[in-house]
Amino acid sequence: MHDKGLYVTAVYAKCTVVERKDLWSSIDNINMIIDGPWCIGGDFNVIMDPDEKLGGRPHRAHRSFDFVTTMETCGLSDIGFTGPKFTWCNNWRPRKRIWKRLDRIFVNDQWVQVFQHNYVKHLVRTGSNHRPLLMKCHSDQHEIIKYFRFLNFWTEQQDFLEVVQ
């Protein structure tokens, strides 16, 4: 395990581009002080790519620019997911319904060095318009258990008793 500890940041972003500016600035500032494995995730309230939205008006790239730039500048990578593509739904009637992937988890390179296997699953929405995220991470490194072994042939050595004393 990493001896300096792990850093985990939970995000619940504001709804507008202007209101999120402070979040991007805070993430940049946090990145400057973190020295170790970092995982950041939650509701970013913005998509990264037009294919992360279904329904409503077409996505405008400028709405994602600050988000994408911040994550790249901080060296954070989206670790992907399994399950349904969209994590949020406005729950309006079918013709007005909008689906988006607003919730996600990012990690830095140091996190991946400690945890080589990272999985995110989009769970079922219950009581919210967002899907909860389940993250699992583990390492290939296993602690080696050293067992004490005594071999009988040692008792047959000339200086055995001397060494034991």
C-alpha atoms as a PDB file:
ATOM      1  CA  MET A   1       0.000   0.000   0.000  1.00  0.00           C
ATOM      2  CA  HIS A   2       1.115   3.565  -0.574  1.00  0.00           C
ATOM      3  CA  ASP A   3       2.773   4.899   2.588  1.00  0.00           C
ATOM      4  CA  LYS A   4       1.632   8.519   2.185  1.00  0.00           C
ATOM      5  CA  GLY A   5      -2.050   7.589   2.049  1.00  0.00           C
ATOM      6  CA  LEU A   6      -4.747   7.874  -0.568  1.00  0.00           C
ATOM      7  CA  TYR A   7      -6.746  10.931  -1.557  1.00  0.00           C
ATOM      8  CA  VAL A   8     -10.443  10.660  -2.377  1.00  0.00           C
ATOM      9  CA  THR A   9     -12.534  13.680  -3.413  1.00  0.00           C
ATOM     10  CA  ALA A  10     -16.335  13.637  -3.691  1.00  0.00           C
ATOM     11  CA  VAL A  11     -17.950  16.082  -6.123  1.00  0.00           C
ATOM     12  CA  TYR A  12     -21.433  17.559  -6.298  1.00  0.00           C
ATOM     13  CA  ALA A  13     -21.227  20.257  -8.992  1.00  0.00           C
ATOM     14  CA  LYS A  14     -23.442  23.266  -9.628  1.00  0.00           C
ATOM     15  CA  CYS A  15     -25.772  23.215 -12.626  1.00  0.00           C
ATOM     16  CA  THR A  16     -24.461  26.047 -14.828  1.00  0.00           C
ATOM     17  CA  VAL A  17     -21.171  26.610 -16.647  1.00  0.00           C
ATOM     18  CA  VAL A  18     -20.531  29.846 -14.719  1.00  0.00           C
ATOM     19  CA  GLU A  19     -21.320  28.288 -11.332  1.00  0.00           C
ATOM     20  CA  ARG A  20     -18.911  25.404 -12.010  1.00  0.00           C
ATOM     21  CA  LYS A  21     -15.916  27.730 -12.619  1.00  0.00           C
ATOM     22  CA  ASP A  22     -15.133  27.683  -8.870  1.00  0.00           C
ATOM     23  CA  LEU A  23     -15.179  23.879  -8.875  1.00  0.00           C
ATOM     24  CA  TRP A  24     -12.642  23.661 -11.700  1.00  0.00           C
ATOM     25  CA  SER A  25     -10.437  26.158  -9.891  1.00  0.00           C
ATOM     26  CA  SER A  26     -10.720  24.162  -6.643  1.00  0.00           C
ATOM     27  CA  ILE A  27      -9.770  20.937  -8.426  1.00  0.00           C
ATOM     28  CA  ASP A  28      -6.722  22.681  -9.926  1.00  0.00           C
ATOM     29  CA  ASN A  29      -5.735  23.913  -6.441  1.00  0.00           C
ATOM     30  CA  ILE A  30      -6.225  20.488  -4.859  1.00  0.00           C
ATOM     31  CA  ASN A  31      -4.069  18.958  -7.588  1.00  0.00           C
ATOM     32  CA  MET A  32      -1.218  21.302  -6.601  1.00  0.00           C
ATOM     33  CA  ILE A  33      -1.147  20.028  -3.008  1.00  0.00           C
ATOM     34  CA  ILE A  34      -1.845  16.324  -3.528  1.00  0.00           C
ATOM     35  CA  ASP A  35       1.232  14.138  -3.560  1.00  0.00           C
ATOM     36  CA  GLY A  36      -0.012  10.609  -4.006  1.00  0.00           C
ATOM     37  CA  PRO A  37      -2.807   8.441  -5.386  1.00  0.00           C
ATOM     38  CA  TRP A  38      -5.945  10.496  -6.060  1.00  0.00           C
ATOM     39  CA  CYS A  39      -9.490   9.445  -6.928  1.00  0.00           C
ATOM     40  CA  ILE A  40     -12.158  12.058  -7.618  1.00  0.00           C
ATOM     41  CA  GLY A  41     -15.747  11.292  -8.485  1.00  0.00           C
ATOM     42  CA  GLY A  42     -19.383  12.201  -8.221  1.00  0.00           C
ATOM     43  CA  ASP A  43     -21.920  14.384  -9.990  1.00  0.00           C
ATOM     44  CA  PHE A  44     -19.984  16.790 -12.229  1.00  0.00           C
ATOM     45  CA  ASN A  45     -23.231  18.072 -13.831  1.00  0.00           C
ATOM     46  CA  VAL A  46     -21.602  18.239 -17.259  1.00  0.00           C
ATOM     47  CA  ILE A  47     -20.821  15.729 -19.986  1.00  0.00           C
ATOM     48  CA  MET A  48     -17.464  15.360 -21.733  1.00  0.00           C
ATOM     49  CA  ASP A  49     -18.695  14.256 -25.140  1.00  0.00           C
ATOM     50  CA  PRO A  50     -21.887  14.745 -27.200  1.00  0.00           C
ATOM     51  CA  ASP A  51     -22.556  10.974 -27.217  1.00  0.00           C
ATOM     52  CA  GLU A  52     -23.040  11.135 -23.432  1.00  0.00           C
ATOM     53  CA  LYS A  53     -26.425  12.816 -23.976  1.00  0.00           C
ATOM     54  CA  LEU A  54     -29.696  11.540 -25.420  1.00  0.00           C
ATOM     55  CA  GLY A  55     -32.672  13.808 -26.084  1.00  0.00           C
ATOM     56  CA  GLY A  56     -33.145  17.553 -25.827  1.00  0.00           C
ATOM     57  CA  ARG A  57     -31.144  20.133 -27.748  1.00  0.00           C
ATOM     58  CA  PRO A  58     -27.744  19.110 -29.183  1.00  0.00           C
ATOM     59  CA  HIS A  59     -24.779  19.461 -26.823  1.00  0.00           C
ATOM     60  CA  ARG A  60     -22.518  22.474 -27.362  1.00  0.00           C
ATOM     61  CA  ALA A  61     -18.814  21.654 -26.943  1.00  0.00           C
ATOM     62  CA  HIS A  62     -18.002  24.942 -25.173  1.00  0.00           C
ATOM     63  CA  ARG A  63     -20.099  23.746 -22.193  1.00  0.00           C
ATOM     64  CA  SER A  64     -17.593  20.903 -21.615  1.00  0.00           C
ATOM     65  CA  PHE A  65     -14.371  22.777 -22.371  1.00  0.00           C
ATOM     66  CA  ASP A  66     -13.453  23.828 -18.795  1.00  0.00           C
ATOM     67  CA  PHE A  67     -14.289  20.360 -17.425  1.00  0.00           C
ATOM     68  CA  VAL A  68     -12.224  18.496 -20.009  1.00  0.00           C
ATOM     69  CA  THR A  69      -9.327  20.958 -19.709  1.00  0.00           C
ATOM     70  CA  THR A  70      -9.256  20.721 -15.904  1.00  0.00           C
ATOM     71  CA  MET A  71      -9.219  16.923 -15.871  1.00  0.00           C
ATOM     72  CA  GLU A  72      -6.446  16.814 -18.500  1.00  0.00           C
ATOM     73  CA  THR A  73      -4.375  19.504 -16.753  1.00  0.00           C
ATOM     74  CA  CYS A  74      -4.602  17.593 -13.470  1.00  0.00           C
ATOM     75  CA  GLY A  75      -3.600  14.320 -15.132  1.00  0.00           C
ATOM     76  CA  LEU A  76      -6.905  12.669 -14.247  1.00  0.00           C
ATOM     77  CA  SER A  77      -8.366   9.852 -16.352  1.00  0.00           C
ATOM     78  CA  ASP A  78     -11.946   8.609 -16.458  1.00  0.00           C
ATOM     79  CA  ILE A  79     -11.798   4.927 -15.489  1.00  0.00           C
ATOM     80  CA  GLY A  80     -14.892   4.024 -17.504  1.00  0.00           C
ATOM     81  CA  PHE A  81     -17.877   1.983 -16.350  1.00  0.00           C
ATOM     82  CA  THR A  82     -20.085  -1.025 -16.789  1.00  0.00           C
ATOM     83  CA  GLY A  83     -23.853  -0.903 -16.860  1.00  0.00           C
ATOM     84  CA  PRO A  84     -26.227   1.586 -18.487  1.00  0.00           C
ATOM     85  CA  LYS A  85     -24.534   4.457 -20.344  1.00  0.00           C
ATOM     86  CA  PHE A  86     -26.456   7.340 -18.770  1.00  0.00           C
ATOM     87  CA  THR A  87     -26.353   8.164 -15.055  1.00  0.00           C
ATOM     88  CA  TRP A  88     -29.012  10.906 -14.966  1.00  0.00           C
ATOM     89  CA  CYS A  89     -32.523  11.371 -16.342  1.00  0.00           C
ATOM     90  CA  ASN A  90     -34.807  14.389 -16.070  1.00  0.00           C
ATOM     91  CA  ASN A  91     -37.783  11.995 -15.627  1.00  0.00           C
ATOM     92  CA  TRP A  92     -40.015  14.035 -17.936  1.00  0.00           C
ATOM     93  CA  ARG A  93     -42.573  12.473 -20.263  1.00  0.00           C
ATOM     94  CA  PRO A  94     -40.989  10.398 -23.091  1.00  0.00           C
ATOM     95  CA  ARG A  95     -40.887  13.124 -25.782  1.00  0.00           C
ATOM     96  CA  LYS A  96     -39.213  15.593 -23.419  1.00  0.00           C
ATOM     97  CA  ARG A  97     -36.967  13.061 -21.667  1.00  0.00           C
ATOM     98  CA  ILE A  98     -33.208  13.747 -21.499  1.00  0.00           C
ATOM     99  CA  TRP A  99     -30.517  11.262 -20.469  1.00  0.00           C
ATOM    100  CA  LYS A 100     -26.895  12.200 -19.640  1.00  0.00           C
ATOM    101  CA  ARG A 101     -23.750  10.726 -18.141  1.00  0.00           C
ATOM    102  CA  LEU A 102     -23.157  13.324 -15.419  1.00  0.00           C
ATOM    103  CA  ASP A 103     -21.626  11.033 -12.802  1.00  0.00           C
ATOM    104  CA  ARG A 104     -18.157   9.534 -13.165  1.00  0.00           C
ATOM    105  CA  ILE A 105     -14.888   8.715 -11.431  1.00  0.00           C
ATOM    106  CA  PHE A 106     -11.386   9.874 -12.345  1.00  0.00           C
ATOM    107  CA  VAL A 107      -7.997   8.735 -11.023  1.00  0.00           C
ATOM    108  CA  ASN A 108      -4.433   9.947 -11.429  1.00  0.00           C
ATOM    109  CA  ASP A 109      -1.452   7.833 -12.552  1.00  0.00           C
ATOM    110  CA  GLN A 110      -0.307   7.267  -8.965  1.00  0.00           C
ATOM    111  CA  TRP A 111      -3.703   5.720  -8.133  1.00  0.00           C
ATOM    112  CA  VAL A 112      -3.302   3.299 -11.041  1.00  0.00           C
ATOM    113  CA  GLN A 113       0.173   2.356  -9.803  1.00  0.00           C
ATOM    114  CA  VAL A 114      -1.317   1.340  -6.436  1.00  0.00           C
ATOM    115  CA  PHE A 115      -4.565  -0.142  -7.799  1.00  0.00           C
ATOM    116  CA  GLN A 116      -4.032  -1.768 -11.181  1.00  0.00           C
ATOM    117  CA  HIS A 117      -7.673  -2.870 -11.423  1.00  0.00           C
ATOM    118  CA  ASN A 118     -10.403  -0.212 -11.159  1.00  0.00           C
ATOM    119  CA  TYR A 119     -14.056  -0.831 -11.968  1.00  0.00           C
ATOM    120  CA  VAL A 120     -17.096   1.436 -11.827  1.00  0.00           C
ATOM    121  CA  LYS A 121     -20.601   0.082 -12.134  1.00  0.00           C
ATOM    122  CA  HIS A 122     -23.664   2.245 -12.787  1.00  0.00           C
ATOM    123  CA  LEU A 123     -26.287   0.884 -10.399  1.00  0.00           C
ATOM    124  CA  VAL A 124     -30.083   1.090 -10.555  1.00  0.00           C
ATOM    125  CA  ARG A 125     -31.730   4.472  -9.911  1.00  0.00           C
ATOM    126  CA  THR A 126     -33.929   4.315  -6.812  1.00  0.00           C
ATOM    127  CA  GLY A 127     -35.412   7.461  -5.303  1.00  0.00           C
ATOM    128  CA  SER A 128     -33.172   9.776  -7.322  1.00  0.00           C
ATOM    129  CA  ASN A 129     -32.769  10.926 -10.906  1.00  0.00           C
ATOM    130  CA  HIS A 130     -29.090   9.830 -10.683  1.00  0.00           C
ATOM    131  CA  ARG A 131     -27.651   6.325 -10.707  1.00  0.00           C
ATOM    132  CA  PRO A 132     -25.324   5.557  -7.805  1.00  0.00           C
ATOM    133  CA  LEU A 133     -21.790   4.519  -8.751  1.00  0.00           C
ATOM    134  CA  LEU A 134     -20.088   1.485  -7.256  1.00  0.00           C
ATOM    135  CA  MET A 135     -16.304   1.520  -7.468  1.00  0.00           C
ATOM    136  CA  LYS A 136     -14.066  -1.485  -6.865  1.00  0.00           C
ATOM    137  CA  CYS A 137     -10.304  -1.277  -6.943  1.00  0.00           C
ATOM    138  CA  HIS A 138      -7.571  -3.733  -6.135  1.00  0.00           C
ATOM    139  CA  SER A 139      -3.905  -4.395  -6.653  1.00  0.00           C
ATOM    140  CA  ASP A 140      -1.982  -7.275  -8.189  1.00  0.00           C
ATOM    141  CA  GLN A 141       0.488  -7.085  -5.325  1.00  0.00           C
ATOM    142  CA  HIS A 142      -0.151  -9.684  -2.662  1.00  0.00           C
ATOM    143  CA  GLU A 143       1.451  -9.671   0.750  1.00  0.00           C
ATOM    144  CA  ILE A 144       3.857 -12.577   0.984  1.00  0.00           C
ATOM    145  CA  ILE A 145       3.272 -14.864   3.962  1.00  0.00           C
ATOM    146  CA  LYS A 146       6.502 -16.357   5.253  1.00  0.00           C
ATOM    147  CA  TYR A 147       6.035 -19.616   7.095  1.00  0.00           C
ATOM    148  CA  PHE A 148       8.579 -20.985   9.569  1.00  0.00           C
ATOM    149  CA  ARG A 149      10.083 -24.238   8.328  1.00  0.00           C
ATOM    150  CA  PHE A 150      12.280 -26.642  10.175  1.00  0.00           C
ATOM    151  CA  LEU A 151      14.082 -29.345   8.238  1.00  0.00           C
ATOM    152  CA  ASN A 152      15.026 -32.453  10.214  1.00  0.00           C
ATOM    153  CA  PHE A 153      18.384 -32.892   8.471  1.00  0.00           C
ATOM    154  CA  TRP A 154      19.740 -29.955  10.525  1.00  0.00           C
ATOM    155  CA  THR A 155      19.680 -32.146  13.647  1.00  0.00           C
ATOM    156  CA  GLU A 156      22.154 -34.456  11.975  1.00  0.00           C
ATOM    157  CA  GLN A 157      24.753 -31.709  11.500  1.00  0.00           C
ATOM    158  CA  GLN A 158      27.813 -31.881  13.792  1.00  0.00           C
ATOM    159  CA  ASP A 159      27.464 -28.387  15.262  1.00  0.00           C
ATOM    160  CA  PHE A 160      23.643 -28.367  15.485  1.00  0.00           C
ATOM    161  CA  LEU A 161      23.392 -28.262  19.294  1.00  0.00           C
ATOM    162  CA  GLU A 162      26.142 -25.652  19.490  1.00  0.00           C
ATOM    163  CA  VAL A 163      24.326 -23.349  17.076  1.00  0.00           C
ATOM    164  CA  VAL A 164      20.983 -23.775  18.860  1.00  0.00           C
ATOM    165  CA  GLN A 165      22.575 -22.900  22.245  1.00  0.00           C
END
